[in-house]
């Protein structure tokens, strides 16, 4: 693939590689340049890959039986995204992933990740730490959704994702927060008046 060394440094922060290891990693990553509105995963698909977001913004969402969308995650620069339940268990996807801005991604398959874990053991540590942080974040989000008011969840969202709010549609934010777009507007007005 001939990746720029600085891109590998960005993807795998604080991990040093030999020249041969860099070549091995480059051969396992595939660069994707996608337009806004591209769906990269649909419910029912087999999930072979996870994606590193170099630039742009994506969202993972679920569609319930009544057709309502529930946004689970946004992914911006330096984030990884996939339907991890399906990715790790080899089951079918239950999520959709779409680009909500033009995006540059680097895709890696589960099979290639396993090869890299064996050939470059520090990558297994790198990804384990990433997954630990992601799990912690998801657990905090679940607890917030159970215990915080909609206004508190919104304030937490804009603190956690300061660069996302201006770049995504209101209904995506409302879906992520588990509220209606009308409630989101009301919360924003209330905050603006204080």
N, C-alpha and C. Protein backbone atom coordinates (compact mmCIF):
# COMPACT_ATOMS: atom_id res chain seq x y z
N UNK A 1 0.82 -1.19 0.00
CA UNK A 1 0.00 0.00 0.00
C UNK A 1 0.87 1.26 0.00
N UNK A 2 2.04 1.19 0.57
CA UNK A 2 2.96 2.31 0.64
C UNK A 2 2.40 3.48 1.44
N UNK A 3 1.99 3.22 2.66
CA UNK A 3 1.47 4.25 3.55
C UNK A 3 2.58 5.18 4.01
N UNK A 4 2.23 6.42 4.13
CA UNK A 4 3.15 7.40 4.72
C UNK A 4 3.41 6.97 6.18
N UNK A 5 4.67 7.04 6.61
CA UNK A 5 5.02 6.64 7.98
C UNK A 5 4.24 7.44 9.01
N UNK A 6 3.95 8.72 8.70
CA UNK A 6 3.20 9.54 9.66
C UNK A 6 1.77 9.02 9.85
N UNK A 7 1.21 8.40 8.81
CA UNK A 7 -0.14 7.84 8.94
C UNK A 7 -0.12 6.64 9.89
N UNK A 8 0.89 5.78 9.75
CA UNK A 8 1.02 4.66 10.69
C UNK A 8 1.21 5.17 12.11
N UNK A 9 1.99 6.23 12.25
CA UNK A 9 2.21 6.82 13.58
C UNK A 9 0.91 7.37 14.16
N UNK A 10 0.05 7.91 13.29
CA UNK A 10 -1.23 8.44 13.77
C UNK A 10 -2.16 7.30 14.16
N UNK A 11 -2.23 6.28 13.33
CA UNK A 11 -3.14 5.16 13.61
C UNK A 11 -2.70 4.41 14.88
N UNK A 12 -1.41 4.14 14.97
CA UNK A 12 -0.88 3.35 16.09
C UNK A 12 0.00 4.23 16.98
N UNK A 13 -0.64 5.19 17.62
CA UNK A 13 0.08 6.13 18.48
C UNK A 13 0.90 5.40 19.54
N UNK A 14 2.11 5.92 19.76
CA UNK A 14 3.00 5.44 20.82
C UNK A 14 3.45 3.99 20.64
N UNK A 15 3.36 3.46 19.42
CA UNK A 15 3.87 2.13 19.15
C UNK A 15 4.98 2.28 18.10
N UNK A 16 6.14 1.72 18.41
CA UNK A 16 7.27 1.79 17.47
C UNK A 16 7.35 0.49 16.68
N UNK A 17 7.68 0.63 15.40
CA UNK A 17 7.76 -0.53 14.52
C UNK A 17 9.09 -0.55 13.78
N UNK A 18 9.56 -1.74 13.50
CA UNK A 18 10.73 -1.89 12.62
C UNK A 18 10.26 -1.65 11.19
N UNK A 19 11.20 -1.52 10.28
CA UNK A 19 10.86 -1.33 8.87
C UNK A 19 10.03 -2.50 8.34
N UNK A 20 10.42 -3.73 8.69
CA UNK A 20 9.67 -4.91 8.25
C UNK A 20 8.25 -4.94 8.82
N UNK A 21 8.11 -4.54 10.09
CA UNK A 21 6.77 -4.50 10.71
C UNK A 21 5.89 -3.47 10.01
N UNK A 22 6.47 -2.32 9.66
CA UNK A 22 5.70 -1.30 8.94
C UNK A 22 5.19 -1.84 7.60
N UNK A 23 6.06 -2.54 6.91
CA UNK A 23 5.66 -3.12 5.61
C UNK A 23 4.54 -4.15 5.82
N UNK A 24 4.68 -4.95 6.86
CA UNK A 24 3.65 -5.96 7.17
C UNK A 24 2.30 -5.29 7.44
N UNK A 25 2.30 -4.21 8.22
CA UNK A 25 1.06 -3.50 8.53
C UNK A 25 0.49 -2.87 7.27
N UNK A 26 1.34 -2.22 6.48
CA UNK A 26 0.89 -1.58 5.24
C UNK A 26 0.18 -2.57 4.32
N UNK A 27 0.67 -3.79 4.30
CA UNK A 27 0.08 -4.81 3.44
C UNK A 27 -1.27 -5.32 3.94
N UNK A 28 -1.61 -4.99 5.17
CA UNK A 28 -2.87 -5.48 5.76
C UNK A 28 -3.96 -4.40 5.79
N UNK A 29 -3.58 -3.15 5.59
CA UNK A 29 -4.55 -2.05 5.62
C UNK A 29 -4.97 -1.66 4.21
N UNK A 30 -6.23 -1.29 4.07
CA UNK A 30 -6.73 -0.81 2.78
C UNK A 30 -7.35 0.56 2.98
N UNK A 31 -6.90 1.52 2.20
CA UNK A 31 -7.43 2.89 2.28
C UNK A 31 -8.72 2.99 1.49
N UNK A 32 -9.73 3.64 2.10
CA UNK A 32 -11.01 3.88 1.44
C UNK A 32 -11.29 5.38 1.47
N UNK A 33 -11.71 5.93 0.36
CA UNK A 33 -12.14 7.33 0.30
C UNK A 33 -13.62 7.29 -0.07
N UNK A 34 -14.47 7.73 0.86
CA UNK A 34 -15.91 7.58 0.69
C UNK A 34 -16.63 8.92 0.73
N UNK A 35 -17.70 9.00 -0.05
CA UNK A 35 -18.54 10.20 -0.08
C UNK A 35 -19.55 10.16 1.06
N UNK A 36 -19.98 11.33 1.48
CA UNK A 36 -21.04 11.46 2.47
C UNK A 36 -22.26 10.65 2.01
N UNK A 37 -22.86 9.92 2.95
CA UNK A 37 -24.05 9.15 2.64
C UNK A 37 -23.77 7.71 2.21
N UNK A 38 -22.51 7.31 2.21
CA UNK A 38 -22.16 5.94 1.83
C UNK A 38 -22.43 5.00 3.00
N UNK A 39 -23.14 3.93 2.74
CA UNK A 39 -23.37 2.90 3.75
C UNK A 39 -22.29 1.85 3.59
N UNK A 40 -21.51 1.63 4.65
CA UNK A 40 -20.44 0.62 4.56
C UNK A 40 -20.82 -0.69 5.24
N UNK A 41 -21.93 -0.67 5.97
CA UNK A 41 -22.39 -1.91 6.61
C UNK A 41 -23.90 -1.81 6.80
N UNK A 42 -24.59 -2.93 6.55
CA UNK A 42 -26.03 -3.01 6.74
C UNK A 42 -26.36 -4.19 7.65
N UNK A 43 -27.46 -4.07 8.37
CA UNK A 43 -27.92 -5.19 9.19
C UNK A 43 -28.07 -6.42 8.30
N UNK A 44 -27.60 -7.56 8.79
CA UNK A 44 -27.67 -8.80 8.05
C UNK A 44 -26.39 -9.13 7.30
N UNK A 45 -25.50 -8.12 7.13
CA UNK A 45 -24.22 -8.36 6.46
C UNK A 45 -23.31 -9.20 7.37
N UNK A 46 -22.38 -9.90 6.75
CA UNK A 46 -21.29 -10.52 7.49
C UNK A 46 -20.24 -9.44 7.72
N UNK A 47 -19.73 -9.36 8.94
CA UNK A 47 -18.79 -8.30 9.29
C UNK A 47 -17.37 -8.87 9.29
N UNK A 48 -16.61 -8.46 8.29
CA UNK A 48 -15.24 -8.93 8.16
C UNK A 48 -14.22 -7.91 8.66
N UNK A 49 -14.62 -6.62 8.73
CA UNK A 49 -13.65 -5.55 8.92
C UNK A 49 -14.02 -4.60 10.04
N UNK A 50 -12.97 -3.91 10.51
CA UNK A 50 -13.18 -2.72 11.31
C UNK A 50 -12.44 -1.59 10.59
N UNK A 51 -12.81 -0.35 10.92
CA UNK A 51 -12.35 0.79 10.16
C UNK A 51 -11.75 1.85 11.09
N UNK A 52 -10.60 2.37 10.66
CA UNK A 52 -9.98 3.50 11.35
C UNK A 52 -10.38 4.75 10.59
N UNK A 53 -10.88 5.76 11.31
CA UNK A 53 -11.31 7.00 10.68
C UNK A 53 -10.13 7.97 10.65
N UNK A 54 -9.60 8.20 9.46
CA UNK A 54 -8.51 9.16 9.29
C UNK A 54 -9.08 10.58 9.25
N UNK A 55 -10.17 10.75 8.51
CA UNK A 55 -10.90 12.02 8.56
C UNK A 55 -12.34 11.77 8.16
N UNK A 56 -13.20 12.73 8.48
CA UNK A 56 -14.62 12.60 8.21
C UNK A 56 -15.39 12.22 9.47
N UNK A 57 -16.63 11.83 9.29
CA UNK A 57 -17.48 11.43 10.42
C UNK A 57 -18.42 10.33 9.96
N UNK A 58 -18.55 9.30 10.79
CA UNK A 58 -19.45 8.19 10.53
C UNK A 58 -20.37 7.99 11.73
N UNK A 59 -21.42 7.25 11.51
CA UNK A 59 -22.26 6.86 12.64
C UNK A 59 -22.67 5.42 12.49
N UNK A 60 -22.83 4.77 13.64
CA UNK A 60 -23.36 3.42 13.73
C UNK A 60 -24.77 3.55 14.27
N UNK A 61 -25.73 2.91 13.63
CA UNK A 61 -27.10 2.99 14.13
C UNK A 61 -27.81 1.66 13.96
N UNK A 62 -28.89 1.53 14.72
CA UNK A 62 -29.73 0.34 14.75
C UNK A 62 -31.13 0.77 14.36
N UNK A 63 -31.84 -0.04 13.59
CA UNK A 63 -33.23 0.25 13.24
C UNK A 63 -34.10 -0.77 13.96
N UNK A 64 -35.00 -0.28 14.83
CA UNK A 64 -35.85 -1.19 15.60
C UNK A 64 -37.01 -1.70 14.74
N UNK A 65 -37.83 -2.56 15.34
CA UNK A 65 -38.94 -3.20 14.60
C UNK A 65 -39.96 -2.21 14.06
N UNK A 66 -40.06 -1.03 14.67
CA UNK A 66 -41.01 -0.03 14.18
C UNK A 66 -40.38 0.89 13.14
N UNK A 67 -39.10 0.66 12.81
CA UNK A 67 -38.43 1.46 11.79
C UNK A 67 -37.71 2.69 12.33
N UNK A 68 -37.67 2.83 13.64
CA UNK A 68 -37.01 3.99 14.25
C UNK A 68 -35.50 3.73 14.34
N UNK A 69 -34.72 4.77 13.97
CA UNK A 69 -33.27 4.68 14.05
C UNK A 69 -32.78 5.08 15.44
N UNK A 70 -31.79 4.34 15.93
CA UNK A 70 -31.15 4.63 17.20
C UNK A 70 -29.64 4.72 16.95
N UNK A 71 -29.09 5.93 17.06
CA UNK A 71 -27.66 6.12 16.83
C UNK A 71 -26.89 5.64 18.05
N UNK A 72 -25.98 4.72 17.81
CA UNK A 72 -25.19 4.13 18.89
C UNK A 72 -23.86 4.85 19.07
N UNK A 73 -23.24 5.23 17.96
CA UNK A 73 -21.90 5.79 18.03
C UNK A 73 -21.65 6.74 16.87
N UNK A 74 -20.90 7.79 17.13
CA UNK A 74 -20.29 8.61 16.10
C UNK A 74 -18.81 8.27 16.09
N UNK A 75 -18.18 8.35 14.94
CA UNK A 75 -16.74 8.11 14.85
C UNK A 75 -16.13 9.22 14.01
N UNK A 76 -15.17 9.91 14.61
CA UNK A 76 -14.46 10.99 13.94
C UNK A 76 -12.98 10.63 13.89
N UNK A 77 -12.17 11.58 13.45
CA UNK A 77 -10.73 11.36 13.32
C UNK A 77 -10.14 10.63 14.52
N UNK A 78 -9.38 9.57 14.23
CA UNK A 78 -8.65 8.77 15.21
C UNK A 78 -9.55 7.79 15.99
N UNK A 79 -10.74 7.51 15.48
CA UNK A 79 -11.62 6.54 16.12
C UNK A 79 -11.70 5.29 15.24
N UNK A 80 -12.02 4.18 15.85
CA UNK A 80 -12.26 2.92 15.16
C UNK A 80 -13.76 2.65 15.21
N UNK A 81 -14.28 2.00 14.16
CA UNK A 81 -15.71 1.73 14.11
C UNK A 81 -15.97 0.40 13.41
N UNK A 82 -16.98 -0.30 13.89
CA UNK A 82 -17.48 -1.53 13.28
C UNK A 82 -18.74 -1.94 14.04
N UNK A 83 -19.39 -2.99 13.62
CA UNK A 83 -20.41 -3.64 14.43
C UNK A 83 -19.64 -4.70 15.21
N UNK A 84 -19.16 -4.31 16.39
CA UNK A 84 -18.21 -5.16 17.11
C UNK A 84 -18.82 -6.46 17.61
N UNK A 85 -20.10 -6.48 17.90
CA UNK A 85 -20.72 -7.74 18.31
C UNK A 85 -20.59 -8.76 17.19
N UNK A 86 -20.91 -8.34 15.98
CA UNK A 86 -20.81 -9.24 14.84
C UNK A 86 -19.35 -9.51 14.48
N UNK A 87 -18.50 -8.50 14.56
CA UNK A 87 -17.09 -8.64 14.21
C UNK A 87 -16.40 -9.68 15.09
N UNK A 88 -16.65 -9.62 16.40
CA UNK A 88 -15.96 -10.53 17.32
C UNK A 88 -16.61 -11.90 17.44
N UNK A 89 -17.91 -12.01 17.12
CA UNK A 89 -18.60 -13.29 17.30
C UNK A 89 -18.90 -14.01 15.99
N UNK A 90 -18.51 -13.39 14.88
CA UNK A 90 -18.78 -13.96 13.54
C UNK A 90 -20.27 -14.16 13.28
N UNK A 91 -21.09 -13.32 13.92
CA UNK A 91 -22.53 -13.36 13.65
C UNK A 91 -22.86 -12.27 12.62
N UNK A 92 -24.11 -12.22 12.20
CA UNK A 92 -24.52 -11.21 11.22
C UNK A 92 -24.66 -9.85 11.90
N UNK A 93 -24.43 -8.81 11.12
CA UNK A 93 -24.53 -7.44 11.63
C UNK A 93 -25.96 -7.14 12.06
N UNK A 94 -26.07 -6.39 13.14
CA UNK A 94 -27.38 -5.85 13.56
C UNK A 94 -27.39 -4.33 13.39
N UNK A 95 -26.24 -3.76 13.07
CA UNK A 95 -26.07 -2.32 12.93
C UNK A 95 -25.90 -1.93 11.47
N UNK A 96 -26.06 -0.63 11.26
CA UNK A 96 -25.73 0.01 10.00
C UNK A 96 -24.60 1.00 10.30
N UNK A 97 -23.71 1.18 9.34
CA UNK A 97 -22.69 2.22 9.48
C UNK A 97 -22.72 3.04 8.20
N UNK A 98 -22.80 4.36 8.38
CA UNK A 98 -22.82 5.26 7.23
C UNK A 98 -21.89 6.43 7.46
N UNK A 99 -21.41 6.98 6.34
CA UNK A 99 -20.62 8.20 6.42
C UNK A 99 -21.59 9.37 6.46
N UNK A 100 -21.40 10.27 7.42
CA UNK A 100 -22.25 11.47 7.48
C UNK A 100 -21.45 12.70 7.06
N UNK A 101 -20.20 12.47 6.70
CA UNK A 101 -19.35 13.45 6.01
C UNK A 101 -18.48 12.63 5.06
N UNK A 102 -17.90 13.29 4.05
CA UNK A 102 -16.89 12.61 3.24
C UNK A 102 -15.84 12.08 4.20
N UNK A 103 -15.29 10.90 3.92
CA UNK A 103 -14.39 10.27 4.88
C UNK A 103 -13.26 9.51 4.20
N UNK A 104 -12.12 9.50 4.90
CA UNK A 104 -11.00 8.64 4.53
C UNK A 104 -10.83 7.64 5.66
N UNK A 105 -10.92 6.37 5.31
CA UNK A 105 -10.84 5.29 6.30
C UNK A 105 -9.71 4.34 5.93
N UNK A 106 -9.25 3.61 6.93
CA UNK A 106 -8.34 2.50 6.70
C UNK A 106 -9.01 1.26 7.26
N UNK A 107 -9.20 0.28 6.39
CA UNK A 107 -9.94 -0.94 6.71
C UNK A 107 -8.95 -2.06 7.00
N UNK A 108 -9.28 -2.84 8.03
CA UNK A 108 -8.48 -4.05 8.31
C UNK A 108 -9.44 -5.18 8.67
N UNK A 109 -9.18 -6.35 8.11
CA UNK A 109 -10.04 -7.50 8.38
C UNK A 109 -9.64 -8.17 9.69
N UNK A 110 -10.58 -8.93 10.23
CA UNK A 110 -10.29 -9.69 11.44
C UNK A 110 -9.17 -10.68 11.19
N UNK A 111 -9.20 -11.31 10.05
CA UNK A 111 -8.16 -12.28 9.69
C UNK A 111 -6.77 -11.60 9.67
N UNK A 112 -6.69 -10.44 9.06
CA UNK A 112 -5.41 -9.72 9.01
C UNK A 112 -4.98 -9.21 10.39
N UNK A 113 -5.95 -8.85 11.21
CA UNK A 113 -5.61 -8.44 12.58
C UNK A 113 -4.98 -9.60 13.34
N UNK A 114 -5.56 -10.79 13.20
CA UNK A 114 -5.01 -11.96 13.89
C UNK A 114 -3.58 -12.26 13.42
N UNK A 115 -3.33 -12.09 12.14
CA UNK A 115 -1.97 -12.28 11.62
C UNK A 115 -1.03 -11.25 12.24
N UNK A 116 -1.46 -10.00 12.29
CA UNK A 116 -0.61 -8.95 12.87
C UNK A 116 -0.36 -9.19 14.35
N UNK A 117 -1.37 -9.67 15.08
CA UNK A 117 -1.17 -9.97 16.50
C UNK A 117 -0.03 -10.97 16.70
N UNK A 118 0.02 -11.98 15.82
CA UNK A 118 1.08 -13.00 15.95
C UNK A 118 2.44 -12.45 15.52
N UNK A 119 2.45 -11.66 14.45
CA UNK A 119 3.72 -11.17 13.92
C UNK A 119 4.25 -9.94 14.67
N UNK A 120 3.33 -9.14 15.22
CA UNK A 120 3.72 -7.91 15.93
C UNK A 120 2.94 -7.87 17.25
N UNK A 121 3.42 -8.56 18.28
CA UNK A 121 2.66 -8.71 19.53
C UNK A 121 2.23 -7.39 20.20
N UNK A 122 3.00 -6.32 20.01
CA UNK A 122 2.60 -5.06 20.66
C UNK A 122 1.28 -4.51 20.08
N UNK A 123 0.88 -4.98 18.89
CA UNK A 123 -0.41 -4.55 18.34
C UNK A 123 -1.58 -5.15 19.12
N UNK A 124 -1.39 -6.37 19.61
CA UNK A 124 -2.45 -6.97 20.42
C UNK A 124 -2.67 -6.15 21.68
N UNK A 125 -1.60 -5.69 22.29
CA UNK A 125 -1.69 -4.83 23.47
C UNK A 125 -2.36 -3.51 23.10
N UNK A 126 -1.96 -2.94 21.99
CA UNK A 126 -2.54 -1.68 21.52
C UNK A 126 -4.06 -1.79 21.38
N UNK A 127 -4.52 -2.84 20.68
CA UNK A 127 -5.96 -3.00 20.46
C UNK A 127 -6.70 -3.39 21.73
N UNK A 128 -6.06 -4.16 22.60
CA UNK A 128 -6.71 -4.49 23.87
C UNK A 128 -6.98 -3.22 24.66
N UNK A 129 -6.00 -2.32 24.72
CA UNK A 129 -6.19 -1.06 25.45
C UNK A 129 -7.28 -0.20 24.80
N UNK A 130 -7.32 -0.19 23.46
CA UNK A 130 -8.38 0.55 22.76
C UNK A 130 -9.75 -0.02 23.13
N UNK A 131 -9.87 -1.35 23.14
CA UNK A 131 -11.15 -1.98 23.48
C UNK A 131 -11.53 -1.73 24.94
N UNK A 132 -10.57 -1.72 25.83
CA UNK A 132 -10.86 -1.42 27.23
C UNK A 132 -11.44 -0.01 27.37
N UNK A 133 -10.84 0.95 26.67
CA UNK A 133 -11.35 2.34 26.73
C UNK A 133 -12.74 2.42 26.10
N UNK A 134 -12.94 1.71 24.99
CA UNK A 134 -14.24 1.73 24.34
C UNK A 134 -15.31 1.11 25.23
N UNK A 135 -14.98 0.00 25.87
CA UNK A 135 -15.93 -0.66 26.76
C UNK A 135 -16.29 0.28 27.92
N UNK A 136 -15.29 0.94 28.49
CA UNK A 136 -15.52 1.89 29.58
C UNK A 136 -16.45 3.00 29.11
N UNK A 137 -16.20 3.52 27.92
CA UNK A 137 -17.01 4.60 27.38
C UNK A 137 -18.46 4.16 27.17
N UNK A 138 -18.66 2.97 26.59
CA UNK A 138 -20.02 2.46 26.39
C UNK A 138 -20.73 2.24 27.72
N UNK A 139 -20.03 1.72 28.71
CA UNK A 139 -20.65 1.50 30.01
C UNK A 139 -21.07 2.83 30.64
N UNK A 140 -20.22 3.84 30.54
CA UNK A 140 -20.58 5.16 31.07
C UNK A 140 -21.79 5.72 30.34
N UNK A 141 -21.85 5.49 29.02
CA UNK A 141 -22.98 5.98 28.25
C UNK A 141 -24.28 5.30 28.68
N UNK A 142 -24.23 4.00 28.91
CA UNK A 142 -25.42 3.28 29.36
C UNK A 142 -25.88 3.81 30.71
N UNK A 143 -24.95 3.99 31.63
CA UNK A 143 -25.30 4.51 32.95
C UNK A 143 -25.87 5.92 32.85
N UNK A 144 -25.30 6.75 32.00
CA UNK A 144 -25.81 8.11 31.82
C UNK A 144 -27.23 8.07 31.27
N UNK A 145 -27.47 7.17 30.32
CA UNK A 145 -28.79 7.06 29.73
C UNK A 145 -29.84 6.60 30.75
N UNK A 146 -29.40 5.81 31.72
CA UNK A 146 -30.31 5.33 32.75
C UNK A 146 -30.55 6.35 33.86
N UNK A 147 -29.56 7.21 34.12
CA UNK A 147 -29.63 8.04 35.31
C UNK A 147 -29.66 9.55 35.07
N UNK A 148 -29.32 10.01 33.86
CA UNK A 148 -29.26 11.45 33.62
C UNK A 148 -30.49 11.94 32.89
N UNK A 149 -30.78 13.22 33.11
CA UNK A 149 -31.86 13.85 32.36
C UNK A 149 -31.40 14.06 30.92
N UNK A 150 -32.33 14.36 30.03
CA UNK A 150 -31.97 14.63 28.63
C UNK A 150 -31.01 15.81 28.53
N UNK A 151 -31.22 16.82 29.35
CA UNK A 151 -30.32 17.99 29.33
C UNK A 151 -28.91 17.59 29.77
N UNK A 152 -28.80 16.79 30.80
CA UNK A 152 -27.48 16.33 31.25
C UNK A 152 -26.79 15.48 30.19
N UNK A 153 -27.56 14.63 29.51
CA UNK A 153 -26.98 13.81 28.43
C UNK A 153 -26.48 14.69 27.29
N UNK A 154 -27.25 15.73 26.96
CA UNK A 154 -26.84 16.65 25.89
C UNK A 154 -25.56 17.40 26.28
N UNK A 155 -25.50 17.89 27.50
CA UNK A 155 -24.30 18.61 27.95
C UNK A 155 -23.09 17.67 27.94
N UNK A 156 -23.28 16.44 28.33
CA UNK A 156 -22.21 15.46 28.29
C UNK A 156 -21.78 15.20 26.84
N UNK A 157 -22.75 15.12 25.94
CA UNK A 157 -22.46 14.89 24.52
C UNK A 157 -21.60 16.01 23.95
N UNK A 158 -21.98 17.27 24.20
CA UNK A 158 -21.20 18.36 23.60
C UNK A 158 -19.83 18.51 24.25
N UNK A 159 -19.68 18.01 25.46
CA UNK A 159 -18.35 17.99 26.09
C UNK A 159 -17.50 16.87 25.49
N UNK A 160 -18.10 15.71 25.32
CA UNK A 160 -17.39 14.55 24.78
C UNK A 160 -17.08 14.71 23.29
N UNK A 161 -18.01 15.28 22.54
CA UNK A 161 -17.88 15.40 21.09
C UNK A 161 -17.95 16.87 20.65
N UNK A 162 -17.03 17.72 21.09
CA UNK A 162 -17.15 19.15 20.77
C UNK A 162 -17.11 19.45 19.27
N UNK A 163 -16.52 18.59 18.47
CA UNK A 163 -16.40 18.86 17.03
C UNK A 163 -17.48 18.19 16.19
N UNK A 164 -18.36 17.46 16.84
CA UNK A 164 -19.36 16.72 16.06
C UNK A 164 -20.65 17.53 15.89
N UNK A 165 -21.05 18.24 16.90
CA UNK A 165 -22.37 18.88 16.87
C UNK A 165 -22.60 19.74 15.63
N UNK A 166 -21.60 20.49 15.20
CA UNK A 166 -21.76 21.37 14.04
C UNK A 166 -21.77 20.58 12.72
N UNK A 167 -21.37 19.34 12.75
CA UNK A 167 -21.19 18.58 11.52
C UNK A 167 -22.23 17.49 11.28
N UNK A 168 -23.16 17.31 12.21
CA UNK A 168 -24.16 16.26 12.02
C UNK A 168 -25.56 16.85 12.14
N UNK A 169 -26.51 16.14 11.61
CA UNK A 169 -27.90 16.61 11.62
C UNK A 169 -28.49 16.48 13.02
N UNK A 170 -29.43 17.36 13.32
CA UNK A 170 -30.06 17.36 14.64
C UNK A 170 -30.72 16.02 14.96
N UNK A 171 -31.34 15.38 13.95
CA UNK A 171 -32.02 14.11 14.26
C UNK A 171 -31.01 13.02 14.60
N UNK A 172 -29.77 13.11 14.10
CA UNK A 172 -28.75 12.13 14.49
C UNK A 172 -28.37 12.33 15.97
N UNK A 173 -28.21 13.59 16.36
CA UNK A 173 -27.86 13.88 17.76
C UNK A 173 -29.01 13.45 18.67
N UNK A 174 -30.24 13.80 18.29
CA UNK A 174 -31.40 13.43 19.10
C UNK A 174 -31.50 11.90 19.22
N UNK A 175 -31.26 11.21 18.11
CA UNK A 175 -31.30 9.75 18.12
C UNK A 175 -30.23 9.19 19.06
N UNK A 176 -29.05 9.77 19.03
CA UNK A 176 -27.96 9.33 19.92
C UNK A 176 -28.34 9.54 21.39
N UNK A 177 -29.01 10.65 21.67
CA UNK A 177 -29.39 10.99 23.05
C UNK A 177 -30.67 10.28 23.50
N UNK A 178 -31.38 9.67 22.56
CA UNK A 178 -32.63 8.99 22.91
C UNK A 178 -33.78 9.95 23.15
N UNK A 179 -33.77 11.08 22.43
CA UNK A 179 -34.83 12.09 22.57
C UNK A 179 -35.33 12.49 21.19
N UNK A 180 -36.38 13.30 21.16
CA UNK A 180 -36.89 13.80 19.89
C UNK A 180 -36.12 15.06 19.49
N UNK A 181 -36.22 15.42 18.20
CA UNK A 181 -35.55 16.65 17.76
C UNK A 181 -36.19 17.87 18.43
N UNK A 182 -37.48 17.79 18.73
CA UNK A 182 -38.15 18.90 19.43
C UNK A 182 -37.58 19.07 20.83
N UNK A 183 -37.35 17.97 21.51
CA UNK A 183 -36.74 18.04 22.85
C UNK A 183 -35.33 18.62 22.77
N UNK A 184 -34.58 18.24 21.76
CA UNK A 184 -33.23 18.78 21.57
C UNK A 184 -33.29 20.29 21.38
N UNK A 185 -34.20 20.77 20.56
CA UNK A 185 -34.35 22.22 20.34
C UNK A 185 -34.70 22.93 21.64
N UNK A 186 -35.60 22.34 22.40
CA UNK A 186 -36.02 22.93 23.68
C UNK A 186 -34.83 23.01 24.65
N UNK A 187 -34.03 21.95 24.71
CA UNK A 187 -32.86 21.92 25.59
C UNK A 187 -31.86 23.00 25.17
N UNK A 188 -31.61 23.12 23.88
CA UNK A 188 -30.67 24.14 23.39
C UNK A 188 -31.15 25.55 23.72
N UNK A 189 -32.45 25.81 23.57
CA UNK A 189 -33.00 27.13 23.91
C UNK A 189 -32.83 27.42 25.39
N UNK A 190 -33.11 26.41 26.21
CA UNK A 190 -32.98 26.57 27.66
C UNK A 190 -31.54 26.90 28.04
N UNK A 191 -30.59 26.20 27.42
CA UNK A 191 -29.17 26.44 27.73
C UNK A 191 -28.76 27.83 27.26
N UNK A 192 -29.24 28.24 26.08
CA UNK A 192 -28.90 29.56 25.53
C UNK A 192 -29.42 30.69 26.40
N UNK A 193 -30.55 30.48 27.08
CA UNK A 193 -31.15 31.52 27.93
C UNK A 193 -30.44 31.64 29.26
N UNK A 194 -29.68 30.65 29.67
CA UNK A 194 -28.98 30.69 30.96
C UNK A 194 -27.65 31.39 30.86
